[in-house]
Amino acid sequence: MMLGLLGLASCAAPPPTDPDALAEYKEANDRYEKLNRKAFGLTMWANKYTLRPVAKAYIWAVPRPLRNAFGGLYQTMNEPVVFFNDVGAGKPRRAGDAFVRWCINMTAGIGGLIDVANYAGYKHHDNDAGLTLATWGVASGPYLFLPVLGPSSFRDGIGYGIDVGLSPWNYVPRGYGLLTFNWAYNIMGTINGMATNVDALDQVMKDSLDPYATIRSAYQQQRKAMAEAIKNDHRATVPDWYHTK
């Protein structure tokens, strides 16, 4: 992935000289737009003929409560990555919440099939290495659209690689069915995520004059807002229900 990101440097289009066009170019932060649009077109082709039919079949075959349970399982399995990134961002309260969520849901929640931690007051929050790097002041770098994977950036692409390394499930030993379970939960998580977002993507493709630009703008705004939310989380380390005399 690192080599691929570095290899893009030779594909960048020169910035325009017109002042208005230059301002728009900087706001979009998309110097590889031609290449990104090709990747977007390829992904939408795969979505139409492969990904979307699979997602729709999954929605038809699996009842919503069961889909929600599978989503909770995948979320719980990813909780260690959230924890490590909360620690890296210097947010002990968030890290503590992620750790407690993992402990509760892995036991009382049957591996996350039931979000018992949420009922106990520990709500889920997202974090990843790209956001952690953002809290360190690392610039996002140019926008990227990765085939099938979707919107990203130089920082988030590197962060994705870090998250893979942070996930303990990628180090499961052979035997005992753990490796098979790891593959199964990753595949199920991917399909479940596709099913969750299929209607929203259909709406964008139907209503937007430029779906590529709409998705780019939404992604960049969302990532900026998520990074700011982490930076501005200055809650006390101990939970709200804990009081000392």
Protein backbone atom coordinates (compact mmCIF):
# COMPACT_ATOMS: atom_id res chain seq x y z
CA MET A 1 0.00 0.00 0.00
CA MET A 2 2.86 2.35 0.87
CA LEU A 3 4.53 1.71 -2.49
CA GLY A 4 1.21 2.25 -4.25
CA LEU A 5 0.66 5.58 -2.51
CA LEU A 6 4.16 6.75 -3.35
CA GLY A 7 3.73 5.61 -6.95
CA LEU A 8 0.79 7.99 -7.35
CA ALA A 9 3.16 10.95 -7.20
CA SER A 10 3.93 10.55 -10.89
CA CYS A 11 0.20 10.61 -11.75
CA ALA A 12 -0.66 13.98 -10.22
CA ALA A 13 -2.12 16.59 -12.52
CA PRO A 14 -0.58 20.10 -12.31
CA PRO A 15 -2.74 22.67 -10.48
CA PRO A 16 -4.69 25.11 -12.69
CA THR A 17 -3.49 28.68 -13.10
CA ASP A 18 -6.91 30.36 -13.12
CA PRO A 19 -7.53 31.79 -9.58
CA ASP A 20 -11.12 30.49 -9.29
CA ALA A 21 -10.18 27.08 -10.65
CA LEU A 22 -7.16 26.98 -8.34
CA ALA A 23 -9.33 27.73 -5.30
CA GLU A 24 -11.73 24.94 -6.27
CA TYR A 25 -8.79 22.62 -6.88
CA LYS A 26 -7.39 23.27 -3.42
CA GLU A 27 -10.77 22.86 -1.73
CA ALA A 28 -11.34 19.49 -3.39
CA ASN A 29 -7.81 18.34 -2.45
CA ASP A 30 -8.01 15.87 -5.32
CA ARG A 31 -4.86 16.14 -7.42
CA TYR A 32 -5.35 12.58 -8.69
CA GLU A 33 -8.92 13.20 -9.79
CA LYS A 34 -8.60 11.59 -13.22
CA LEU A 35 -7.18 8.40 -11.74
CA ASN A 36 -9.66 8.49 -8.84
CA ARG A 37 -12.62 8.82 -11.18
CA LYS A 38 -11.45 5.77 -13.11
CA ALA A 39 -11.23 3.84 -9.83
CA PHE A 40 -14.69 5.15 -8.90
CA GLY A 41 -16.12 4.01 -12.24
CA LEU A 42 -14.57 0.55 -11.84
CA THR A 43 -15.96 0.27 -8.31
CA MET A 44 -19.45 1.37 -9.36
CA TRP A 45 -19.34 -1.21 -12.17
CA ALA A 46 -18.39 -3.91 -9.63
CA ASN A 47 -21.08 -2.59 -7.30
CA LYS A 48 -23.77 -2.84 -9.97
CA TYR A 49 -22.97 -6.36 -11.12
CA THR A 50 -21.50 -7.97 -7.99
CA LEU A 51 -21.49 -6.07 -4.70
CA ARG A 52 -25.02 -4.65 -4.81
CA PRO A 53 -26.70 -7.96 -5.78
CA VAL A 54 -24.85 -9.71 -2.94
CA ALA A 55 -25.91 -6.99 -0.47
CA LYS A 56 -29.54 -7.12 -1.63
CA ALA A 57 -29.60 -10.92 -1.43
CA TYR A 58 -28.17 -10.71 2.08
CA ILE A 59 -30.87 -8.21 3.12
CA TRP A 60 -33.55 -10.48 1.62
CA ALA A 61 -32.24 -13.65 3.26
CA VAL A 62 -31.19 -12.37 6.70
CA PRO A 63 -33.74 -10.68 9.01
CA ARG A 64 -32.83 -7.22 10.33
CA PRO A 65 -32.37 -8.33 13.98
CA LEU A 66 -29.85 -10.93 12.85
CA ARG A 67 -28.07 -8.42 10.61
CA ASN A 68 -27.85 -6.04 13.57
CA ALA A 69 -26.41 -8.87 15.68
CA PHE A 70 -23.77 -9.63 13.03
CA GLY A 71 -22.94 -5.91 12.89
CA GLY A 72 -22.50 -5.87 16.65
CA LEU A 73 -20.22 -8.90 16.47
CA TYR A 74 -18.01 -7.22 13.87
CA GLN A 75 -18.00 -3.99 15.88
CA THR A 76 -16.95 -5.82 19.05
CA MET A 77 -14.17 -7.66 17.24
CA ASN A 78 -12.84 -4.27 16.08
CA GLU A 79 -12.99 -2.75 19.58
CA PRO A 80 -9.29 -3.51 20.36
CA VAL A 81 -8.28 -1.39 17.34
CA VAL A 82 -10.45 1.46 18.67
CA PHE A 83 -8.84 1.04 22.11
CA PHE A 84 -5.27 1.19 20.80
CA ASN A 85 -6.06 4.27 18.74
CA ASP A 86 -7.73 5.99 21.69
CA VAL A 87 -4.54 5.38 23.67
CA GLY A 88 -2.48 6.72 20.77
CA ALA A 89 -4.65 9.83 20.62
CA GLY A 90 -4.09 10.42 24.34
CA LYS A 91 -7.75 9.94 25.29
CA PRO A 92 -7.84 7.63 28.34
CA ARG A 93 -11.59 8.02 28.92
CA ARG A 94 -12.39 6.91 25.37
CA ALA A 95 -9.84 4.08 25.67
CA GLY A 96 -11.42 2.96 28.94
CA ASP A 97 -14.89 2.96 27.39
CA ALA A 98 -13.65 0.88 24.44
CA PHE A 99 -11.94 -1.59 26.76
CA VAL A 100 -15.00 -1.98 29.00
CA ARG A 101 -17.25 -2.36 25.94
CA TRP A 102 -15.03 -5.17 24.67
CA CYS A 103 -14.98 -6.97 28.03
CA ILE A 104 -18.75 -6.73 28.55
CA ASN A 105 -19.81 -7.60 25.01
CA MET A 106 -17.33 -10.46 24.61
CA THR A 107 -18.80 -12.10 27.72
CA ALA A 108 -22.34 -11.01 28.58
CA GLY A 109 -22.97 -9.94 24.99
CA ILE A 110 -21.99 -13.33 23.51
CA GLY A 111 -19.13 -11.91 21.48
CA GLY A 112 -21.03 -8.76 20.58
CA LEU A 113 -24.19 -10.33 19.21
CA ILE A 114 -25.99 -8.33 21.91
CA ASP A 115 -24.73 -4.84 22.73
CA VAL A 116 -25.01 -5.21 26.51
CA ALA A 117 -22.36 -2.49 27.02
CA ASN A 118 -24.59 0.07 25.37
CA TYR A 119 -27.37 -0.70 27.86
CA ALA A 120 -24.80 -0.30 30.66
CA GLY A 121 -24.00 3.22 29.49
CA TYR A 122 -20.89 2.52 27.39
CA LYS A 123 -21.82 3.71 23.93
CA HIS A 124 -19.77 2.80 20.90
CA HIS A 125 -17.46 5.36 19.31
CA ASP A 126 -15.28 5.07 16.23
CA ASN A 127 -11.56 5.61 15.95
CA ASP A 128 -8.84 4.42 13.61
CA ALA A 129 -5.20 5.11 12.91
CA GLY A 130 -6.01 7.72 10.25
CA LEU A 131 -7.95 9.73 12.83
CA THR A 132 -5.21 9.23 15.42
CA LEU A 133 -2.65 10.60 12.97
CA ALA A 134 -4.99 13.54 12.40
CA THR A 135 -4.99 14.31 16.14
CA TRP A 136 -1.20 14.36 15.95
CA GLY A 137 -1.41 17.06 13.31
CA VAL A 138 -0.59 14.85 10.32
CA ALA A 139 -2.14 16.33 7.18
CA SER A 140 -4.55 14.13 5.24
CA GLY A 141 -2.66 14.45 2.00
CA PRO A 142 -4.49 14.20 -1.33
CA TYR A 143 -7.87 12.51 -1.58
CA LEU A 144 -7.84 8.98 -2.97
CA PHE A 145 -10.55 6.66 -4.18
CA LEU A 146 -9.31 3.10 -3.81
CA PRO A 147 -10.94 0.45 -6.04
CA VAL A 148 -13.65 -1.43 -4.10
CA LEU A 149 -12.36 -0.04 -0.75
CA GLY A 150 -13.72 3.43 -1.54
CA PRO A 151 -12.83 6.94 -0.30
CA SER A 152 -9.51 7.46 1.46
CA SER A 153 -6.44 9.69 1.55
CA PHE A 154 -2.69 9.27 1.92
CA ARG A 155 -3.01 9.51 5.72
CA ASP A 156 -6.04 7.22 5.93
CA GLY A 157 -4.48 4.70 3.56
CA ILE A 158 -1.41 4.46 5.80
CA GLY A 159 -3.72 4.37 8.82
CA TYR A 160 -5.58 1.40 7.34
CA GLY A 161 -2.31 -0.52 7.17
CA ILE A 162 -1.57 0.37 10.80
CA ASP A 163 -5.04 -0.79 11.89
CA VAL A 164 -4.47 -4.16 10.24
CA GLY A 165 -1.34 -4.48 12.37
CA LEU A 166 -3.18 -3.42 15.53
CA SER A 167 -5.97 -5.99 15.20
CA PRO A 168 -5.17 -8.99 17.44
CA TRP A 169 -7.40 -11.20 15.28
CA ASN A 170 -4.80 -11.05 12.51
CA TYR A 171 -2.41 -12.97 14.77
CA VAL A 172 -4.65 -15.90 15.66
CA PRO A 173 -2.83 -19.24 15.63
CA ARG A 174 -3.73 -22.03 13.29
CA GLY A 175 -5.99 -24.72 14.62
CA TYR A 176 -9.06 -24.66 16.84
CA GLY A 177 -11.01 -23.07 13.98
CA LEU A 178 -9.78 -19.58 14.90
CA LEU A 179 -8.30 -18.82 11.50
CA THR A 180 -11.52 -19.90 9.80
CA PHE A 181 -13.51 -17.76 12.23
CA ASN A 182 -11.26 -14.77 11.46
CA TRP A 183 -11.92 -15.07 7.74
CA ALA A 184 -15.63 -15.67 8.29
CA TYR A 185 -16.12 -12.65 10.54
CA ASN A 186 -14.20 -10.39 8.14
CA ILE A 187 -16.26 -11.54 5.15
CA MET A 188 -19.50 -11.26 7.13
CA GLY A 189 -18.51 -7.79 8.36
CA THR A 190 -17.82 -6.67 4.80
CA ILE A 191 -21.14 -7.98 3.48
CA ASN A 192 -23.02 -6.54 6.44
CA GLY A 193 -21.40 -3.15 5.88
CA MET A 194 -22.36 -3.25 2.19
CA ALA A 195 -25.95 -4.06 3.13
CA THR A 196 -26.05 -1.20 5.63
CA ASN A 197 -24.94 1.36 3.05
CA VAL A 198 -26.51 0.01 -0.15
CA ASP A 199 -29.64 2.19 -0.01
CA ALA A 200 -27.68 5.37 0.76
CA LEU A 201 -25.35 4.70 -2.19
CA ASP A 202 -28.33 4.03 -4.46
CA GLN A 203 -29.80 7.38 -3.42
CA VAL A 204 -26.57 9.25 -4.15
CA MET A 205 -26.19 7.59 -7.55
CA LYS A 206 -29.79 8.44 -8.40
CA ASP A 207 -30.08 12.03 -7.14
CA SER A 208 -26.59 13.54 -7.40
CA LEU A 209 -25.45 15.31 -10.55
CA ASP A 210 -21.90 14.21 -9.77
CA PRO A 211 -21.93 11.21 -7.40
CA TYR A 212 -18.13 11.10 -7.31
CA ALA A 213 -17.86 14.69 -6.07
CA THR A 214 -20.73 14.19 -3.60
CA ILE A 215 -19.06 11.15 -2.03
CA ARG A 216 -15.70 12.93 -1.95
CA SER A 217 -17.14 15.96 -0.16
CA ALA A 218 -19.13 13.86 2.32
CA TYR A 219 -16.10 11.73 3.15
CA GLN A 220 -13.76 14.66 3.70
CA GLN A 221 -16.27 16.51 5.88
CA GLN A 222 -17.01 13.41 7.93
CA ARG A 223 -13.34 12.63 8.57
CA LYS A 224 -12.64 16.23 9.59
CA ALA A 225 -15.60 16.24 11.97
CA MET A 226 -14.59 12.90 13.52
CA ALA A 227 -11.00 14.07 14.09
CA GLU A 228 -12.24 17.30 15.70
CA ALA A 229 -14.62 15.34 17.96
CA ILE A 230 -11.69 13.26 19.24
CA LYS A 231 -9.51 16.33 19.81
CA ASN A 232 -12.28 18.10 21.71
CA ASP A 233 -13.16 15.15 23.95
CA HIS A 234 -11.82 16.34 27.30
CA ARG A 235 -14.03 14.26 29.59
CA ALA A 236 -12.72 13.13 32.95
CA THR A 237 -11.00 9.78 32.91
CA VAL A 238 -13.45 8.09 35.27
CA PRO A 239 -17.02 7.30 34.12
CA ASP A 240 -19.86 9.68 34.98
CA TRP A 241 -21.38 7.23 37.45
CA TYR A 242 -18.20 7.01 39.53
CA HIS A 243 -17.99 9.54 42.34
CA THR A 244 -15.50 9.84 45.16
CA LYS A 245 -16.19 11.45 48.51
